[in-house]
Amino acid sequence: MHAIFRDGGRQYRVEEGETLFLDYRDAEPGSTLQFSEVLAIEPGSGDFVCGTPLVDGASVEAEVIEEVKGPKVIFHRFRRRKNSHSRKGHRQKYIKVRIGKIAS
């Protein structure tokens, strides 16, 4: 069973048992998250249910595994002829979740 849901301005296509990285939020490892903005569902029988804009009564349940950091992004600022430059880095935080139950 596949589902497409919306979270944090992005859309994710998931199936049961899949792991996924979402934007960071305060959630304890082992807790569950409920996503009710489901845009489409494809049950195992091959049917495809598309919402207008959301599928009524559908939800995706996910279990929080851990908090992780993404890759380090280094950016440079350079101003020519001013003897001015800087180098900074950033690592974005994410939460790793495992998709549990997709209810239609």
N, C-alpha and C. Protein backbone atom coordinates (compact mmCIF):
# COMPACT_ATOMS: atom_id res chain seq x y z
N MET A 1 0.84 -1.17 0.00
CA MET A 1 0.00 0.00 0.00
C MET A 1 0.89 1.24 0.00
N HIS A 2 0.64 2.16 -0.90
CA HIS A 2 1.38 3.41 -1.01
C HIS A 2 0.47 4.57 -0.61
N ALA A 3 1.10 5.65 -0.15
CA ALA A 3 0.35 6.86 0.16
C ALA A 3 1.23 8.06 -0.15
N ILE A 4 0.60 9.16 -0.51
CA ILE A 4 1.28 10.42 -0.71
C ILE A 4 0.71 11.39 0.31
N PHE A 5 1.58 11.91 1.19
CA PHE A 5 1.10 12.86 2.19
C PHE A 5 1.96 14.11 2.16
N ARG A 6 1.41 15.17 2.78
CA ARG A 6 2.06 16.47 2.78
C ARG A 6 2.49 16.81 4.20
N ASP A 7 3.75 17.26 4.33
CA ASP A 7 4.26 17.67 5.64
C ASP A 7 5.36 18.71 5.43
N GLY A 8 5.25 19.83 6.09
CA GLY A 8 6.28 20.85 6.03
C GLY A 8 6.47 21.45 4.64
N GLY A 9 5.41 21.55 3.84
CA GLY A 9 5.52 22.12 2.51
C GLY A 9 6.06 21.16 1.46
N ARG A 10 6.27 19.91 1.83
CA ARG A 10 6.78 18.91 0.88
C ARG A 10 5.80 17.74 0.81
N GLN A 11 5.88 17.01 -0.28
CA GLN A 11 5.06 15.82 -0.43
C GLN A 11 5.96 14.59 -0.44
N TYR A 12 5.51 13.54 0.23
CA TYR A 12 6.29 12.31 0.35
C TYR A 12 5.45 11.13 -0.12
N ARG A 13 6.04 10.26 -0.93
CA ARG A 13 5.39 9.02 -1.35
C ARG A 13 6.01 7.91 -0.52
N VAL A 14 5.19 7.23 0.27
CA VAL A 14 5.70 6.25 1.22
C VAL A 14 4.90 4.96 1.13
N GLU A 15 5.50 3.91 1.69
CA GLU A 15 4.80 2.65 1.88
C GLU A 15 5.13 2.14 3.28
N GLU A 16 4.40 1.18 3.75
CA GLU A 16 4.56 0.68 5.11
C GLU A 16 5.94 0.05 5.28
N GLY A 17 6.60 0.38 6.41
CA GLY A 17 7.91 -0.16 6.71
C GLY A 17 9.07 0.67 6.18
N GLU A 18 8.81 1.70 5.43
CA GLU A 18 9.86 2.54 4.85
C GLU A 18 10.38 3.54 5.89
N THR A 19 11.68 3.86 5.82
CA THR A 19 12.23 4.90 6.70
C THR A 19 12.37 6.19 5.90
N LEU A 20 12.25 7.32 6.61
CA LEU A 20 12.15 8.61 5.95
C LEU A 20 12.75 9.68 6.85
N PHE A 21 13.35 10.70 6.27
CA PHE A 21 13.88 11.84 7.02
C PHE A 21 12.93 13.02 6.84
N LEU A 22 12.43 13.55 7.95
CA LEU A 22 11.52 14.69 7.93
C LEU A 22 12.18 15.88 8.62
N ASP A 23 11.61 17.07 8.42
CA ASP A 23 12.12 18.25 9.08
C ASP A 23 12.05 18.06 10.59
N TYR A 24 13.00 18.69 11.29
CA TYR A 24 13.11 18.50 12.73
C TYR A 24 11.89 19.06 13.45
N ARG A 25 11.45 18.35 14.47
CA ARG A 25 10.42 18.81 15.40
C ARG A 25 10.68 18.13 16.73
N ASP A 26 10.15 18.68 17.78
CA ASP A 26 10.35 18.09 19.11
C ASP A 26 9.52 16.83 19.23
N ALA A 27 10.16 15.70 19.08
CA ALA A 27 9.49 14.41 19.21
C ALA A 27 10.48 13.43 19.82
N GLU A 28 10.05 12.75 20.84
CA GLU A 28 10.90 11.78 21.52
C GLU A 28 11.05 10.51 20.68
N PRO A 29 12.24 9.91 20.67
CA PRO A 29 12.38 8.62 19.98
C PRO A 29 11.44 7.58 20.60
N GLY A 30 10.73 6.87 19.76
CA GLY A 30 9.75 5.89 20.21
C GLY A 30 8.32 6.41 20.17
N SER A 31 8.14 7.72 20.05
CA SER A 31 6.79 8.27 19.97
C SER A 31 6.26 8.13 18.55
N THR A 32 4.97 8.34 18.38
CA THR A 32 4.35 8.21 17.06
C THR A 32 3.86 9.56 16.57
N LEU A 33 3.90 9.74 15.28
CA LEU A 33 3.38 10.93 14.62
C LEU A 33 2.23 10.52 13.71
N GLN A 34 1.22 11.37 13.63
CA GLN A 34 0.05 11.11 12.81
C GLN A 34 -0.02 12.19 11.74
N PHE A 35 -0.06 11.80 10.47
CA PHE A 35 -0.16 12.73 9.35
C PHE A 35 -1.54 12.55 8.73
N SER A 36 -2.36 13.60 8.79
CA SER A 36 -3.72 13.49 8.28
C SER A 36 -3.91 14.15 6.92
N GLU A 37 -2.90 14.87 6.43
CA GLU A 37 -3.00 15.51 5.11
C GLU A 37 -2.55 14.53 4.03
N VAL A 38 -3.37 13.54 3.77
CA VAL A 38 -3.06 12.51 2.77
C VAL A 38 -3.68 12.94 1.44
N LEU A 39 -2.84 13.03 0.42
CA LEU A 39 -3.29 13.50 -0.89
C LEU A 39 -3.77 12.37 -1.79
N ALA A 40 -3.17 11.18 -1.65
CA ALA A 40 -3.58 10.05 -2.49
C ALA A 40 -3.19 8.74 -1.79
N ILE A 41 -3.95 7.71 -2.09
CA ILE A 41 -3.68 6.37 -1.54
C ILE A 41 -3.83 5.35 -2.66
N GLU A 42 -2.91 4.39 -2.67
CA GLU A 42 -3.00 3.27 -3.60
C GLU A 42 -3.05 1.99 -2.77
N PRO A 43 -4.24 1.45 -2.53
CA PRO A 43 -4.33 0.19 -1.79
C PRO A 43 -3.68 -0.94 -2.58
N GLY A 44 -3.48 -2.05 -1.92
CA GLY A 44 -2.80 -3.19 -2.54
C GLY A 44 -3.53 -3.80 -3.72
N SER A 45 -4.82 -3.51 -3.88
CA SER A 45 -5.59 -4.14 -4.96
C SER A 45 -5.40 -3.46 -6.30
N GLY A 46 -4.58 -2.39 -6.37
CA GLY A 46 -4.32 -1.73 -7.63
C GLY A 46 -5.18 -0.51 -7.87
N ASP A 47 -6.16 -0.24 -7.02
CA ASP A 47 -6.98 0.96 -7.15
C ASP A 47 -6.16 2.17 -6.72
N PHE A 48 -6.54 3.34 -7.22
CA PHE A 48 -5.86 4.57 -6.87
C PHE A 48 -6.90 5.59 -6.45
N VAL A 49 -6.82 6.06 -5.20
CA VAL A 49 -7.77 7.03 -4.68
C VAL A 49 -7.05 8.37 -4.55
N CYS A 50 -7.52 9.35 -5.31
CA CYS A 50 -6.92 10.68 -5.28
C CYS A 50 -7.89 11.62 -4.59
N GLY A 51 -7.39 12.39 -3.63
CA GLY A 51 -8.23 13.31 -2.89
C GLY A 51 -8.46 14.61 -3.63
N THR A 52 -9.48 15.35 -3.19
CA THR A 52 -9.78 16.65 -3.80
C THR A 52 -9.92 17.71 -2.72
N PRO A 53 -8.93 18.26 -2.10
CA PRO A 53 -7.51 17.99 -2.25
C PRO A 53 -7.01 16.86 -1.35
N LEU A 54 -7.77 16.50 -0.30
CA LEU A 54 -7.33 15.45 0.63
C LEU A 54 -8.28 14.27 0.58
N VAL A 55 -7.76 13.10 0.93
CA VAL A 55 -8.58 11.89 1.02
C VAL A 55 -9.25 11.89 2.38
N ASP A 56 -10.58 11.78 2.40
CA ASP A 56 -11.33 11.82 3.66
C ASP A 56 -11.05 10.59 4.51
N GLY A 57 -10.73 10.81 5.77
CA GLY A 57 -10.52 9.72 6.72
C GLY A 57 -9.21 8.99 6.60
N ALA A 58 -8.34 9.41 5.71
CA ALA A 58 -7.05 8.73 5.52
C ALA A 58 -6.00 9.35 6.44
N SER A 59 -5.08 8.51 6.89
CA SER A 59 -3.99 8.99 7.74
C SER A 59 -2.79 8.07 7.59
N VAL A 60 -1.62 8.63 7.91
CA VAL A 60 -0.38 7.88 7.89
C VAL A 60 0.23 7.99 9.27
N GLU A 61 0.59 6.85 9.84
CA GLU A 61 1.17 6.81 11.18
C GLU A 61 2.65 6.46 11.06
N ALA A 62 3.51 7.20 11.79
CA ALA A 62 4.95 6.97 11.72
C ALA A 62 5.53 6.96 13.13
N GLU A 63 6.55 6.13 13.33
CA GLU A 63 7.23 6.03 14.61
C GLU A 63 8.58 6.74 14.50
N VAL A 64 8.89 7.59 15.48
CA VAL A 64 10.15 8.33 15.48
C VAL A 64 11.26 7.38 15.93
N ILE A 65 12.31 7.27 15.11
CA ILE A 65 13.44 6.40 15.43
C ILE A 65 14.52 7.18 16.16
N GLU A 66 14.97 8.30 15.56
CA GLU A 66 16.03 9.08 16.18
C GLU A 66 16.10 10.46 15.54
N GLU A 67 16.88 11.33 16.18
CA GLU A 67 17.19 12.63 15.62
C GLU A 67 18.56 12.54 14.96
N VAL A 68 18.69 13.06 13.75
CA VAL A 68 19.94 12.99 13.01
C VAL A 68 20.27 14.36 12.44
N LYS A 69 21.54 14.53 12.04
CA LYS A 69 21.97 15.74 11.36
C LYS A 69 22.31 15.39 9.92
N GLY A 70 22.01 16.31 9.03
CA GLY A 70 22.30 16.12 7.62
C GLY A 70 23.76 16.39 7.32
N PRO A 71 24.13 16.36 6.06
CA PRO A 71 25.53 16.63 5.70
C PRO A 71 25.89 18.09 5.95
N LYS A 72 27.17 18.33 6.15
CA LYS A 72 27.63 19.69 6.40
C LYS A 72 27.66 20.47 5.09
N VAL A 73 27.05 21.64 5.13
CA VAL A 73 27.03 22.53 3.98
C VAL A 73 27.93 23.71 4.31
N ILE A 74 28.95 23.94 3.50
CA ILE A 74 29.89 25.03 3.73
C ILE A 74 29.65 26.09 2.66
N PHE A 75 29.54 27.35 3.10
CA PHE A 75 29.35 28.42 2.13
C PHE A 75 30.36 29.52 2.38
N HIS A 76 30.76 30.16 1.30
CA HIS A 76 31.77 31.22 1.33
C HIS A 76 31.12 32.53 0.90
N ARG A 77 31.52 33.60 1.57
CA ARG A 77 31.16 34.94 1.12
C ARG A 77 32.46 35.66 0.81
N PHE A 78 32.52 36.24 -0.35
CA PHE A 78 33.74 36.89 -0.78
C PHE A 78 33.40 38.21 -1.44
N ARG A 79 34.00 39.27 -0.97
CA ARG A 79 33.81 40.59 -1.57
C ARG A 79 35.14 41.02 -2.19
N ARG A 80 35.17 41.12 -3.46
CA ARG A 80 36.42 41.41 -4.15
C ARG A 80 36.90 42.83 -3.84
N ARG A 81 38.19 42.98 -3.80
CA ARG A 81 38.88 44.25 -3.56
C ARG A 81 38.54 44.89 -2.22
N LYS A 82 37.92 44.19 -1.31
CA LYS A 82 37.58 44.75 -0.01
C LYS A 82 38.33 44.05 1.12
N ASN A 83 39.11 43.01 0.79
CA ASN A 83 39.79 42.20 1.78
C ASN A 83 38.80 41.64 2.80
N SER A 84 37.67 41.19 2.31
CA SER A 84 36.62 40.69 3.19
C SER A 84 36.13 39.35 2.66
N HIS A 85 36.20 38.34 3.49
CA HIS A 85 35.65 37.04 3.13
C HIS A 85 35.32 36.29 4.40
N SER A 86 34.38 35.37 4.31
CA SER A 86 34.01 34.55 5.46
C SER A 86 33.67 33.15 4.98
N ARG A 87 33.85 32.20 5.85
CA ARG A 87 33.55 30.80 5.55
C ARG A 87 32.76 30.25 6.72
N LYS A 88 31.56 29.78 6.46
CA LYS A 88 30.70 29.27 7.52
C LYS A 88 30.13 27.92 7.10
N GLY A 89 29.72 27.16 8.08
CA GLY A 89 29.12 25.85 7.83
C GLY A 89 27.81 25.70 8.57
N HIS A 90 27.01 24.74 8.11
CA HIS A 90 25.71 24.50 8.72
C HIS A 90 25.35 23.02 8.55
N ARG A 91 24.74 22.45 9.58
CA ARG A 91 24.19 21.09 9.50
C ARG A 91 22.74 21.13 9.93
N GLN A 92 21.85 20.76 9.03
CA GLN A 92 20.41 20.78 9.30
C GLN A 92 20.02 19.57 10.14
N LYS A 93 19.11 19.77 11.08
CA LYS A 93 18.60 18.66 11.90
C LYS A 93 17.38 18.04 11.23
N TYR A 94 17.27 16.73 11.34
CA TYR A 94 16.14 15.97 10.82
C TYR A 94 15.70 14.96 11.87
N ILE A 95 14.51 14.40 11.69
CA ILE A 95 14.10 13.24 12.48
C ILE A 95 13.91 12.08 11.51
N LYS A 96 14.38 10.92 11.93
CA LYS A 96 14.25 9.71 11.13
C LYS A 96 13.02 8.96 11.63
N VAL A 97 12.09 8.67 10.73
CA VAL A 97 10.86 7.99 11.11
C VAL A 97 10.68 6.73 10.28
N ARG A 98 9.95 5.78 10.84
CA ARG A 98 9.57 4.56 10.13
C ARG A 98 8.06 4.58 9.95
N ILE A 99 7.62 4.45 8.71
CA ILE A 99 6.20 4.48 8.41
C ILE A 99 5.56 3.19 8.91
N GLY A 100 4.52 3.34 9.71
CA GLY A 100 3.87 2.17 10.27
C GLY A 100 2.60 1.81 9.52
N LYS A 101 1.50 2.40 9.91
CA LYS A 101 0.20 2.02 9.37
C LYS A 101 -0.33 3.11 8.46
N ILE A 102 -0.84 2.71 7.31
CA ILE A 102 -1.50 3.63 6.39
C ILE A 102 -2.97 3.25 6.41
N ALA A 103 -3.80 4.14 6.96
CA ALA A 103 -5.24 3.87 7.09
C ALA A 103 -5.99 4.66 6.04
N SER A 104 -6.93 4.00 5.38
CA SER A 104 -7.70 4.69 4.34
C SER A 104 -9.12 4.96 4.76
